[in-house]
Amino acid sequence: MALKKLDKDTIIAMVLVSPSILAVLIFVYGFIAWSVRVSLSNWVGLLPNYEFVGLGNYLGLLKDPRFHIDVRNTLVFTILFVGGCLFLGVGLAILLDQGLRGESFFRSLFLFPMAISFIVTGVVWRWLMNPAMGSRMSGLNLLFDSLGLDFLVNKWHTTPNWGIAAIAIPAIWQMSGYTMALYLGGLRAIPESLREAARVDGASEIYIYRRIILPLLWPVTLSAMIILGHISLKVFDLIIAVAGKQVALDVPSVYMWTTTFDGQFYGRGASIGILLLLSVAVLVIPYLYQTLREESTT
C-alpha cells in the first residue's frame, strides 16, 4: 500500500513539474542548441541561411582585432570588478561585525545599490564620470577640482587604453554591498569561541582575522568570485548606459549585439554568444560539481 501511494505521489509530482521542465528544455536548452546550429552557419542578413561552415565563425573571431580588444577589456574589467568587490565587501563586513551602532541602517545603506539596475547605475555614473574639462566640468571632476585634488581629475572612460577600468567603478559601487552581505553571513556563522580561544593564547585581532577568520571565509570568497565573475563576463547594460557603443570599451556582449542586430551577421553573433556561454560554464560547472560532491559526502 505504501509503495503504491509513493508511486502515486511520484507521478503527481512529475505531472506538476513537467510543464516547467518542458519550458526549460524548449526555451533554454532548445535555444542553446539552435544558437549552436546558427553559429556553424553562414547566416548573413534577415533571410535565414543555414549553409554549414563548421568552425569558420569561431576561427574568424580568433583573427578579429576587435575581438582581441573585447577579451582584453573583459580581463581588465573582471580583475578590477571582482577584486574591488571582494576587498570592499570583506572590509565592510568586518566593520559591521564589530557591533557598530546603527548596524541595520548601514547594512541597508550598503545593500541599496544592488536594488537598482545597471542601466540606472550607468546613467547616474555617466554624469559623475563626465570627462568634459574646463567650463563644462561636472561630477567627480568638478568635486576634485573644488577640493584642490587636481591630480585626481581625469577623462574616466575616455582614457586611451584603460577607459574600461573606469567602467568597473560603478560596477564595484553596485555589487560591493552584496559581497558585504555574503561575508557578513559568513562571519556570523563562525563561532565566537574560536576568537576567544585565540585571544586567550595572546593572538592579536589582526592575527585572528588573517590566520583564522579569513581562511574560514574561503567558501564565501569562492562563491562571491563565481557570482561576480559571471556578472563581469556578460556585462552589457552598464557599458551601454555609460559610454554607448565604442570599440575602445567593447566587450563580447556588446560585440555580439552590434554584430547580430546592427550588422545582421547572425552566424558570427551566435558564435560570440556560444563563446560567452562556454566562458560562464567554465566558472560555474566546476563550482556546482564540487558543491554537489561535498553535499553527497556529508
C-alpha atoms as a PDB file:
ATOM      1  CA  MET A   1       0.000   0.000   0.000  1.00  0.00           C
ATOM      2  CA  ALA A   2       2.825   2.383   0.925  1.00  0.00           C
ATOM      3  CA  LEU A   3       4.623   1.557  -2.333  1.00  0.00           C
ATOM      4  CA  LYS A   4       1.504   2.271  -4.374  1.00  0.00           C
ATOM      5  CA  LYS A   5       0.990   5.541  -2.516  1.00  0.00           C
ATOM      6  CA  LEU A   6       4.608   6.504  -3.121  1.00  0.00           C
ATOM      7  CA  ASP A   7       4.273   5.748  -6.818  1.00  0.00           C
ATOM      8  CA  LYS A   8       1.101   7.806  -6.991  1.00  0.00           C
ATOM      9  CA  ASP A   9       2.764  10.726  -5.229  1.00  0.00           C
ATOM     10  CA  THR A  10       5.743  10.486  -7.550  1.00  0.00           C
ATOM     11  CA  ILE A  11       3.526  10.547 -10.617  1.00  0.00           C
ATOM     12  CA  ILE A  12       1.599  13.557  -9.300  1.00  0.00           C
ATOM     13  CA  ALA A  13       4.851  15.382  -8.578  1.00  0.00           C
ATOM     14  CA  MET A  14       6.172  14.626 -12.063  1.00  0.00           C
ATOM     15  CA  VAL A  15       2.955  15.865 -13.655  1.00  0.00           C
ATOM     16  CA  LEU A  16       3.135  19.087 -11.658  1.00  0.00           C
ATOM     17  CA  VAL A  17       6.753  19.866 -12.560  1.00  0.00           C
ATOM     18  CA  SER A  18       6.593  18.622 -16.152  1.00  0.00           C
ATOM     19  CA  PRO A  19       5.411  21.997 -17.598  1.00  0.00           C
ATOM     20  CA  SER A  20       8.417  23.722 -16.041  1.00  0.00           C
ATOM     21  CA  ILE A  21      10.780  21.017 -17.266  1.00  0.00           C
ATOM     22  CA  LEU A  22       9.291  21.231 -20.754  1.00  0.00           C
ATOM     23  CA  ALA A  23       9.620  25.024 -20.771  1.00  0.00           C
ATOM     24  CA  VAL A  24      13.270  24.826 -19.709  1.00  0.00           C
ATOM     25  CA  LEU A  25      14.014  22.187 -22.349  1.00  0.00           C
ATOM     26  CA  ILE A  26      12.457  24.307 -25.090  1.00  0.00           C
ATOM     27  CA  PHE A  27      13.315  27.889 -24.133  1.00  0.00           C
ATOM     28  CA  VAL A  28      16.757  27.263 -22.610  1.00  0.00           C
ATOM     29  CA  TYR A  29      18.396  24.140 -23.979  1.00  0.00           C
ATOM     30  CA  GLY A  30      16.439  24.213 -27.224  1.00  0.00           C
ATOM     31  CA  PHE A  31      17.512  27.771 -27.954  1.00  0.00           C
ATOM     32  CA  ILE A  32      21.103  26.950 -26.974  1.00  0.00           C
ATOM     33  CA  ALA A  33      21.092  24.106 -29.489  1.00  0.00           C
ATOM     34  CA  TRP A  34      19.601  26.399 -32.131  1.00  0.00           C
ATOM     35  CA  SER A  35      22.260  29.051 -31.406  1.00  0.00           C
ATOM     36  CA  VAL A  36      24.981  26.426 -31.826  1.00  0.00           C
ATOM     37  CA  ARG A  37      23.496  25.484 -35.186  1.00  0.00           C
ATOM     38  CA  VAL A  38      23.361  29.131 -36.281  1.00  0.00           C
ATOM     39  CA  SER A  39      26.967  29.680 -35.131  1.00  0.00           C
ATOM     40  CA  LEU A  40      28.044  26.939 -37.529  1.00  0.00           C
ATOM     41  CA  SER A  41      26.240  28.541 -40.468  1.00  0.00           C
ATOM     42  CA  ASN A  42      26.844  31.384 -42.914  1.00  0.00           C
ATOM     43  CA  TRP A  43      23.698  33.324 -41.964  1.00  0.00           C
ATOM     44  CA  VAL A  44      24.068  36.957 -43.048  1.00  0.00           C
ATOM     45  CA  GLY A  45      21.047  39.216 -43.496  1.00  0.00           C
ATOM     46  CA  LEU A  46      17.413  38.853 -42.496  1.00  0.00           C
ATOM     47  CA  LEU A  47      16.776  35.736 -44.574  1.00  0.00           C
ATOM     48  CA  PRO A  48      17.963  32.541 -42.835  1.00  0.00           C
ATOM     49  CA  ASN A  49      20.930  30.805 -44.389  1.00  0.00           C
ATOM     50  CA  TYR A  50      21.925  27.540 -42.739  1.00  0.00           C
ATOM     51  CA  GLU A  51      24.822  26.790 -45.058  1.00  0.00           C
ATOM     52  CA  PHE A  52      27.242  24.796 -42.903  1.00  0.00           C
ATOM     53  CA  VAL A  53      30.641  26.468 -42.470  1.00  0.00           C
ATOM     54  CA  GLY A  54      31.877  24.438 -39.498  1.00  0.00           C
ATOM     55  CA  LEU A  55      34.102  26.390 -37.122  1.00  0.00           C
ATOM     56  CA  GLY A  56      34.638  29.180 -39.638  1.00  0.00           C
ATOM     57  CA  ASN A  57      32.917  31.818 -37.484  1.00  0.00           C
ATOM     58  CA  TYR A  58      34.915  30.818 -34.416  1.00  0.00           C
ATOM     59  CA  LEU A  59      38.216  30.828 -36.305  1.00  0.00           C
ATOM     60  CA  GLY A  60      37.327  34.230 -37.726  1.00  0.00           C
ATOM     61  CA  LEU A  61      36.901  35.614 -34.218  1.00  0.00           C
ATOM     62  CA  LEU A  62      40.370  34.410 -33.245  1.00  0.00           C
ATOM     63  CA  LYS A  63      41.788  36.557 -36.048  1.00  0.00           C
ATOM     64  CA  ASP A  64      39.500  39.539 -35.406  1.00  0.00           C
ATOM     65  CA  PRO A  65      41.363  42.526 -33.828  1.00  0.00           C
ATOM     66  CA  ARG A  66      38.121  43.798 -32.329  1.00  0.00           C
ATOM     67  CA  PHE A  67      37.537  40.509 -30.533  1.00  0.00           C
ATOM     68  CA  HIS A  68      41.079  40.761 -29.157  1.00  0.00           C
ATOM     69  CA  ILE A  69      40.094  44.137 -27.676  1.00  0.00           C
ATOM     70  CA  ASP A  70      36.970  42.500 -26.234  1.00  0.00           C
ATOM     71  CA  VAL A  71      38.991  39.809 -24.471  1.00  0.00           C
ATOM     72  CA  ARG A  72      41.481  42.336 -23.087  1.00  0.00           C
ATOM     73  CA  ASN A  73      38.707  44.641 -21.830  1.00  0.00           C
ATOM     74  CA  THR A  74      36.893  41.709 -20.241  1.00  0.00           C
ATOM     75  CA  LEU A  75      40.032  40.613 -18.390  1.00  0.00           C
ATOM     76  CA  VAL A  76      40.733  44.150 -17.112  1.00  0.00           C
ATOM     77  CA  PHE A  77      37.120  44.703 -16.083  1.00  0.00           C
ATOM     78  CA  THR A  78      36.851  41.297 -14.383  1.00  0.00           C
ATOM     79  CA  ILE A  79      40.064  41.676 -12.383  1.00  0.00           C
ATOM     80  CA  LEU A  80      39.181  45.173 -11.148  1.00  0.00           C
ATOM     81  CA  PHE A  81      35.498  44.436 -10.585  1.00  0.00           C
ATOM     82  CA  VAL A  82      35.932  41.155  -8.727  1.00  0.00           C
ATOM     83  CA  GLY A  83      38.974  42.349  -6.778  1.00  0.00           C
ATOM     84  CA  GLY A  84      37.331  45.644  -5.802  1.00  0.00           C
ATOM     85  CA  CYS A  85      34.087  43.991  -4.682  1.00  0.00           C
ATOM     86  CA  LEU A  86      35.930  41.381  -2.611  1.00  0.00           C
ATOM     87  CA  PHE A  87      38.154  43.987  -0.959  1.00  0.00           C
ATOM     88  CA  LEU A  88      35.320  46.392  -0.108  1.00  0.00           C
ATOM     89  CA  GLY A  89      32.919  43.588   0.748  1.00  0.00           C
ATOM     90  CA  VAL A  90      35.146  41.926   3.323  1.00  0.00           C
ATOM     91  CA  GLY A  91      36.187  45.323   4.733  1.00  0.00           C
ATOM     92  CA  LEU A  92      32.605  46.500   5.210  1.00  0.00           C
ATOM     93  CA  ALA A  93      31.580  43.132   6.649  1.00  0.00           C
ATOM     94  CA  ILE A  94      34.379  43.241   9.224  1.00  0.00           C
ATOM     95  CA  LEU A  95      33.385  46.773  10.239  1.00  0.00           C
ATOM     96  CA  LEU A  96      29.737  45.811  10.668  1.00  0.00           C
ATOM     97  CA  ASP A  97      30.739  42.704  12.602  1.00  0.00           C
ATOM     98  CA  GLN A  98      32.274  44.867  15.334  1.00  0.00           C
ATOM     99  CA  GLY A  99      28.850  45.628  16.824  1.00  0.00           C
ATOM    100  CA  LEU A 100      28.647  49.009  15.115  1.00  0.00           C
ATOM    101  CA  ARG A 101      25.863  51.233  16.390  1.00  0.00           C
ATOM    102  CA  GLY A 102      23.128  51.567  13.786  1.00  0.00           C
ATOM    103  CA  GLU A 103      24.267  48.400  12.029  1.00  0.00           C
ATOM    104  CA  SER A 104      20.891  47.760  10.410  1.00  0.00           C
ATOM    105  CA  PHE A 105      20.898  51.238   8.854  1.00  0.00           C
ATOM    106  CA  PHE A 106      24.397  50.865   7.412  1.00  0.00           C
ATOM    107  CA  ARG A 107      23.655  47.338   6.225  1.00  0.00           C
ATOM    108  CA  SER A 108      20.621  48.614   4.310  1.00  0.00           C
ATOM    109  CA  LEU A 109      22.613  51.569   3.012  1.00  0.00           C
ATOM    110  CA  PHE A 110      25.363  49.341   1.622  1.00  0.00           C
ATOM    111  CA  LEU A 111      22.844  46.929   0.087  1.00  0.00           C
ATOM    112  CA  PHE A 112      20.719  49.647  -1.533  1.00  0.00           C
ATOM    113  CA  PRO A 113      22.745  49.935  -4.785  1.00  0.00           C
ATOM    114  CA  MET A 114      22.046  46.284  -5.527  1.00  0.00           C
ATOM    115  CA  ALA A 115      18.317  47.063  -5.693  1.00  0.00           C
ATOM    116  CA  ILE A 116      18.737  49.182  -8.819  1.00  0.00           C
ATOM    117  CA  SER A 117      19.625  48.038 -12.315  1.00  0.00           C
ATOM    118  CA  PHE A 118      22.911  48.539 -14.130  1.00  0.00           C
ATOM    119  CA  ILE A 119      21.088  50.871 -16.531  1.00  0.00           C
ATOM    120  CA  VAL A 120      20.178  53.262 -13.705  1.00  0.00           C
ATOM    121  CA  THR A 121      23.666  52.959 -12.256  1.00  0.00           C
ATOM    122  CA  GLY A 122      25.164  53.708 -15.660  1.00  0.00           C
ATOM    123  CA  VAL A 123      23.021  56.805 -16.205  1.00  0.00           C
ATOM    124  CA  VAL A 124      23.996  58.256 -12.813  1.00  0.00           C
ATOM    125  CA  TRP A 125      27.680  57.429 -13.143  1.00  0.00           C
ATOM    126  CA  ARG A 126      27.783  58.769 -16.711  1.00  0.00           C
ATOM    127  CA  TRP A 127      27.187  62.206 -15.174  1.00  0.00           C
ATOM    128  CA  LEU A 128      29.539  61.574 -12.248  1.00  0.00           C
ATOM    129  CA  MET A 129      32.309  60.482 -14.611  1.00  0.00           C
ATOM    130  CA  ASN A 130      31.766  63.259 -17.134  1.00  0.00           C
ATOM    131  CA  PRO A 131      35.111  63.562 -18.982  1.00  0.00           C
ATOM    132  CA  ALA A 132      34.489  67.176 -20.071  1.00  0.00           C
ATOM    133  CA  MET A 133      37.080  69.711 -18.941  1.00  0.00           C
ATOM    134  CA  GLY A 134      37.132  73.476 -18.440  1.00  0.00           C
ATOM    135  CA  SER A 135      33.832  75.294 -18.068  1.00  0.00           C
ATOM    136  CA  ARG A 136      31.893  72.091 -18.846  1.00  0.00           C
ATOM    137  CA  MET A 137      33.443  70.196 -15.949  1.00  0.00           C
ATOM    138  CA  SER A 138      30.927  68.402 -13.707  1.00  0.00           C
ATOM    139  CA  GLY A 139      30.505  65.393 -11.459  1.00  0.00           C
ATOM    140  CA  LEU A 140      33.527  63.953  -9.709  1.00  0.00           C
ATOM    141  CA  ASN A 141      35.998  66.016 -11.698  1.00  0.00           C
ATOM    142  CA  LEU A 142      34.309  69.225 -10.506  1.00  0.00           C
ATOM    143  CA  LEU A 143      34.389  67.916  -6.935  1.00  0.00           C
ATOM    144  CA  PHE A 144      38.091  67.083  -7.159  1.00  0.00           C
ATOM    145  CA  ASP A 145      38.835  70.472  -8.706  1.00  0.00           C
ATOM    146  CA  SER A 146      36.901  72.299  -5.975  1.00  0.00           C
ATOM    147  CA  LEU A 147      38.784  70.407  -3.249  1.00  0.00           C
ATOM    148  CA  GLY A 148      42.172  71.143  -4.802  1.00  0.00           C
ATOM    149  CA  LEU A 149      42.684  67.488  -5.795  1.00  0.00           C
ATOM    150  CA  ASP A 150      43.589  68.294  -9.380  1.00  0.00           C
ATOM    151  CA  PHE A 151      45.711  65.165  -9.702  1.00  0.00           C
ATOM    152  CA  LEU A 152      42.516  63.084  -9.495  1.00  0.00           C
ATOM    153  CA  VAL A 153      40.834  64.882 -12.400  1.00  0.00           C
ATOM    154  CA  ASN A 154      40.865  62.578 -15.422  1.00  0.00           C
ATOM    155  CA  LYS A 155      38.967  61.602 -18.561  1.00  0.00           C
ATOM    156  CA  TRP A 156      37.483  58.476 -16.973  1.00  0.00           C
ATOM    157  CA  HIS A 157      36.108  56.053 -19.587  1.00  0.00           C
ATOM    158  CA  THR A 158      37.547  58.101 -22.459  1.00  0.00           C
ATOM    159  CA  THR A 159      41.101  57.498 -21.234  1.00  0.00           C
ATOM    160  CA  PRO A 160      43.033  55.729 -24.033  1.00  0.00           C
ATOM    161  CA  ASN A 161      43.682  52.008 -23.467  1.00  0.00           C
ATOM    162  CA  TRP A 162      42.435  51.998 -19.847  1.00  0.00           C
ATOM    163  CA  GLY A 163      38.977  53.517 -20.163  1.00  0.00           C
ATOM    164  CA  ILE A 164      37.380  50.159 -19.301  1.00  0.00           C
ATOM    165  CA  ALA A 165      38.895  50.466 -15.817  1.00  0.00           C
ATOM    166  CA  ALA A 166      36.599  53.438 -15.126  1.00  0.00           C
ATOM    167  CA  ILE A 167      33.551  51.331 -16.048  1.00  0.00           C
ATOM    168  CA  ALA A 168      34.488  48.954 -13.228  1.00  0.00           C
ATOM    169  CA  ILE A 169      33.991  51.722 -10.625  1.00  0.00           C
ATOM    170  CA  PRO A 170      30.167  51.928 -10.844  1.00  0.00           C
ATOM    171  CA  ALA A 171      30.009  48.130 -11.036  1.00  0.00           C
ATOM    172  CA  ILE A 172      32.022  47.884  -7.816  1.00  0.00           C
ATOM    173  CA  TRP A 173      29.787  50.505  -6.201  1.00  0.00           C
ATOM    174  CA  GLN A 174      26.685  48.480  -7.058  1.00  0.00           C
ATOM    175  CA  MET A 175      27.854  44.976  -6.097  1.00  0.00           C
ATOM    176  CA  SER A 176      30.197  45.564  -3.134  1.00  0.00           C
ATOM    177  CA  GLY A 177      27.197  45.726  -0.793  1.00  0.00           C
ATOM    178  CA  TYR A 178      26.025  42.325  -1.974  1.00  0.00           C
ATOM    179  CA  THR A 179      29.511  40.942  -1.390  1.00  0.00           C
ATOM    180  CA  MET A 180      29.441  42.514   2.062  1.00  0.00           C
ATOM    181  CA  ALA A 181      26.220  40.646   2.851  1.00  0.00           C
ATOM    182  CA  LEU A 182      27.816  37.342   1.821  1.00  0.00           C
ATOM    183  CA  TYR A 183      30.849  37.934   4.017  1.00  0.00           C
ATOM    184  CA  LEU A 184      28.761  39.188   6.937  1.00  0.00           C
ATOM    185  CA  GLY A 185      26.727  35.988   6.862  1.00  0.00           C
ATOM    186  CA  GLY A 186      29.960  34.003   6.847  1.00  0.00           C
ATOM    187  CA  LEU A 187      31.375  35.985   9.772  1.00  0.00           C
ATOM    188  CA  ARG A 188      28.229  35.473  11.843  1.00  0.00           C
ATOM    189  CA  ALA A 189      28.473  31.716  11.213  1.00  0.00           C
ATOM    190  CA  ILE A 190      31.948  31.485  12.766  1.00  0.00           C
ATOM    191  CA  PRO A 191      31.735  30.505  16.461  1.00  0.00           C
ATOM    192  CA  GLU A 192      32.874  33.216  18.844  1.00  0.00           C
ATOM    193  CA  SER A 193      34.653  30.528  20.860  1.00  0.00           C
ATOM    194  CA  LEU A 194      37.347  30.321  18.179  1.00  0.00           C
ATOM    195  CA  ARG A 195      38.166  34.002  18.590  1.00  0.00           C
ATOM    196  CA  GLU A 196      38.093  33.812  22.356  1.00  0.00           C
ATOM    197  CA  ALA A 197      40.470  30.838  22.330  1.00  0.00           C
ATOM    198  CA  ALA A 198      42.876  32.751  20.096  1.00  0.00           C
ATOM    199  CA  ARG A 199      42.697  35.824  22.337  1.00  0.00           C
ATOM    200  CA  VAL A 200      43.471  33.675  25.391  1.00  0.00           C
ATOM    201  CA  ASP A 201      46.580  32.435  23.573  1.00  0.00           C
ATOM    202  CA  GLY A 202      47.663  36.047  23.102  1.00  0.00           C
ATOM    203  CA  ALA A 203      46.764  36.472  19.430  1.00  0.00           C
ATOM    204  CA  SER A 204      46.097  39.997  18.216  1.00  0.00           C
ATOM    205  CA  GLU A 205      42.919  40.910  16.342  1.00  0.00           C
ATOM    206  CA  ILE A 206      44.859  41.323  13.094  1.00  0.00           C
ATOM    207  CA  TYR A 207      46.380  37.860  13.533  1.00  0.00           C
ATOM    208  CA  ILE A 208      42.952  36.366  14.300  1.00  0.00           C
ATOM    209  CA  TYR A 209      41.457  37.737  11.113  1.00  0.00           C
ATOM    210  CA  ARG A 210      44.489  36.906   8.985  1.00  0.00           C
ATOM    211  CA  ARG A 211      45.073  33.362  10.250  1.00  0.00           C
ATOM    212  CA  ILE A 212      41.638  32.206  11.451  1.00  0.00           C
ATOM    213  CA  ILE A 213      38.708  34.256  10.160  1.00  0.00           C
ATOM    214  CA  LEU A 214      39.720  34.881   6.547  1.00  0.00           C
ATOM    215  CA  PRO A 215      40.751  31.247   5.868  1.00  0.00           C
ATOM    216  CA  LEU A 216      37.392  30.106   7.242  1.00  0.00           C
ATOM    217  CA  LEU A 217      35.696  32.541   4.847  1.00  0.00           C
ATOM    218  CA  TRP A 218      37.270  30.898   1.795  1.00  0.00           C
ATOM    219  CA  PRO A 219      33.987  29.161   0.730  1.00  0.00           C
ATOM    220  CA  VAL A 220      32.265  32.567   0.825  1.00  0.00           C
ATOM    221  CA  THR A 221      35.097  34.095  -1.199  1.00  0.00           C
ATOM    222  CA  LEU A 222      34.851  31.338  -3.790  1.00  0.00           C
ATOM    223  CA  SER A 223      31.080  31.779  -4.105  1.00  0.00           C
ATOM    224  CA  ALA A 224      31.464  35.548  -4.436  1.00  0.00           C
ATOM    225  CA  MET A 225      34.151  35.133  -7.105  1.00  0.00           C
ATOM    226  CA  ILE A 226      31.915  32.804  -9.132  1.00  0.00           C
ATOM    227  CA  ILE A 227      28.908  35.135  -8.923  1.00  0.00           C
ATOM    228  CA  LEU A 228      30.872  38.309  -9.659  1.00  0.00           C
ATOM    229  CA  GLY A 229      32.870  36.624 -12.411  1.00  0.00           C
ATOM    230  CA  HIS A 230      29.642  35.509 -14.068  1.00  0.00           C
ATOM    231  CA  ILE A 231      28.316  39.083 -13.935  1.00  0.00           C
ATOM    232  CA  SER A 232      31.514  40.562 -15.349  1.00  0.00           C
ATOM    233  CA  LEU A 233      31.639  38.169 -18.299  1.00  0.00           C
ATOM    234  CA  LYS A 234      28.190  39.136 -19.538  1.00  0.00           C
ATOM    235  CA  VAL A 235      28.190  42.834 -18.641  1.00  0.00           C
ATOM    236  CA  PHE A 236      26.309  44.818 -21.281  1.00  0.00           C
ATOM    237  CA  ASP A 237      23.808  47.369 -19.982  1.00  0.00           C
ATOM    238  CA  LEU A 238      26.284  49.209 -17.744  1.00  0.00           C
ATOM    239  CA  ILE A 239      28.708  49.849 -20.607  1.00  0.00           C
ATOM    240  CA  ILE A 240      25.923  50.934 -22.969  1.00  0.00           C
ATOM    241  CA  ALA A 241      24.476  53.310 -20.361  1.00  0.00           C
ATOM    242  CA  VAL A 242      27.827  54.917 -19.507  1.00  0.00           C
ATOM    243  CA  ALA A 243      29.630  55.091 -22.838  1.00  0.00           C
ATOM    244  CA  GLY A 244      27.447  53.677 -25.596  1.00  0.00           C
ATOM    245  CA  LYS A 245      28.925  51.529 -28.374  1.00  0.00           C
ATOM    246  CA  GLN A 246      32.635  52.326 -28.506  1.00  0.00           C
ATOM    247  CA  VAL A 247      35.223  49.925 -29.868  1.00  0.00           C
ATOM    248  CA  ALA A 248      37.715  51.030 -27.191  1.00  0.00           C
ATOM    249  CA  LEU A 249      35.254  49.898 -24.487  1.00  0.00           C
ATOM    250  CA  ASP A 250      33.953  46.895 -26.381  1.00  0.00           C
ATOM    251  CA  VAL A 251      33.254  43.580 -24.624  1.00  0.00           C
ATOM    252  CA  PRO A 252      31.923  40.330 -26.124  1.00  0.00           C
ATOM    253  CA  SER A 253      28.297  41.014 -25.191  1.00  0.00           C
ATOM    254  CA  VAL A 254      28.322  44.441 -26.878  1.00  0.00           C
ATOM    255  CA  TYR A 255      30.128  42.993 -29.896  1.00  0.00           C
ATOM    256  CA  MET A 256      27.536  40.235 -30.102  1.00  0.00           C
ATOM    257  CA  TRP A 257      24.721  42.818 -30.135  1.00  0.00           C
ATOM    258  CA  THR A 258      26.274  45.032 -32.797  1.00  0.00           C
ATOM    259  CA  THR A 259      27.289  42.070 -34.943  1.00  0.00           C
ATOM    260  CA  THR A 260      23.904  40.356 -34.766  1.00  0.00           C
ATOM    261  CA  PHE A 261      21.358  43.181 -34.766  1.00  0.00           C
ATOM    262  CA  ASP A 262      23.259  46.090 -36.309  1.00  0.00           C
ATOM    263  CA  GLY A 263      25.358  44.211 -38.843  1.00  0.00           C
ATOM    264  CA  GLN A 264      22.973  41.253 -39.287  1.00  0.00           C
ATOM    265  CA  PHE A 265      25.841  38.759 -39.186  1.00  0.00           C
ATOM    266  CA  TYR A 266      23.791  36.204 -37.298  1.00  0.00           C
ATOM    267  CA  GLY A 267      26.250  33.345 -37.668  1.00  0.00           C
ATOM    268  CA  ARG A 268      29.137  35.302 -36.169  1.00  0.00           C
ATOM    269  CA  GLY A 269      26.887  36.824 -33.485  1.00  0.00           C
ATOM    270  CA  ALA A 270      25.722  33.365 -32.430  1.00  0.00           C
ATOM    271  CA  SER A 271      29.326  32.179 -32.203  1.00  0.00           C
ATOM    272  CA  ILE A 272      30.149  35.066 -29.834  1.00  0.00           C
ATOM    273  CA  GLY A 273      27.134  34.111 -27.716  1.00  0.00           C
ATOM    274  CA  ILE A 274      28.253  30.481 -27.539  1.00  0.00           C
ATOM    275  CA  LEU A 275      31.767  31.552 -26.503  1.00  0.00           C
ATOM    276  CA  LEU A 276      30.207  33.660 -23.745  1.00  0.00           C
ATOM    277  CA  LEU A 277      28.159  30.662 -22.626  1.00  0.00           C
ATOM    278  CA  LEU A 278      31.265  28.457 -22.542  1.00  0.00           C
ATOM    279  CA  SER A 279      33.237  31.046 -20.568  1.00  0.00           C
ATOM    280  CA  VAL A 280      30.485  31.235 -17.956  1.00  0.00           C
ATOM    281  CA  ALA A 281      30.240  27.429 -17.887  1.00  0.00           C
ATOM    282  CA  VAL A 282      33.971  27.188 -17.179  1.00  0.00           C
ATOM    283  CA  LEU A 283      33.324  29.160 -13.982  1.00  0.00           C
ATOM    284  CA  VAL A 284      30.015  27.711 -12.877  1.00  0.00           C
ATOM    285  CA  ILE A 285      30.128  23.990 -13.739  1.00  0.00           C
ATOM    286  CA  PRO A 286      33.257  23.066 -11.692  1.00  0.00           C
ATOM    287  CA  TYR A 287      31.844  25.001  -8.741  1.00  0.00           C
ATOM    288  CA  LEU A 288      28.480  23.241  -8.958  1.00  0.00           C
ATOM    289  CA  TYR A 289      30.200  19.867  -9.346  1.00  0.00           C
ATOM    290  CA  GLN A 290      32.356  20.458  -6.277  1.00  0.00           C
ATOM    291  CA  THR A 291      29.370  21.675  -4.242  1.00  0.00           C
ATOM    292  CA  LEU A 292      27.246  18.646  -5.150  1.00  0.00           C
ATOM    293  CA  ARG A 293      30.162  16.330  -4.409  1.00  0.00           C
ATOM    294  CA  GLU A 294      30.653  17.842  -0.957  1.00  0.00           C
ATOM    295  CA  GLU A 295      26.941  17.570  -0.202  1.00  0.00           C
ATOM    296  CA  SER A 296      26.857  13.917  -1.237  1.00  0.00           C
ATOM    297  CA  THR A 297      29.772  13.044   1.052  1.00  0.00           C
ATOM    298  CA  THR A 298      28.277  14.735   4.120  1.00  0.00           C
END
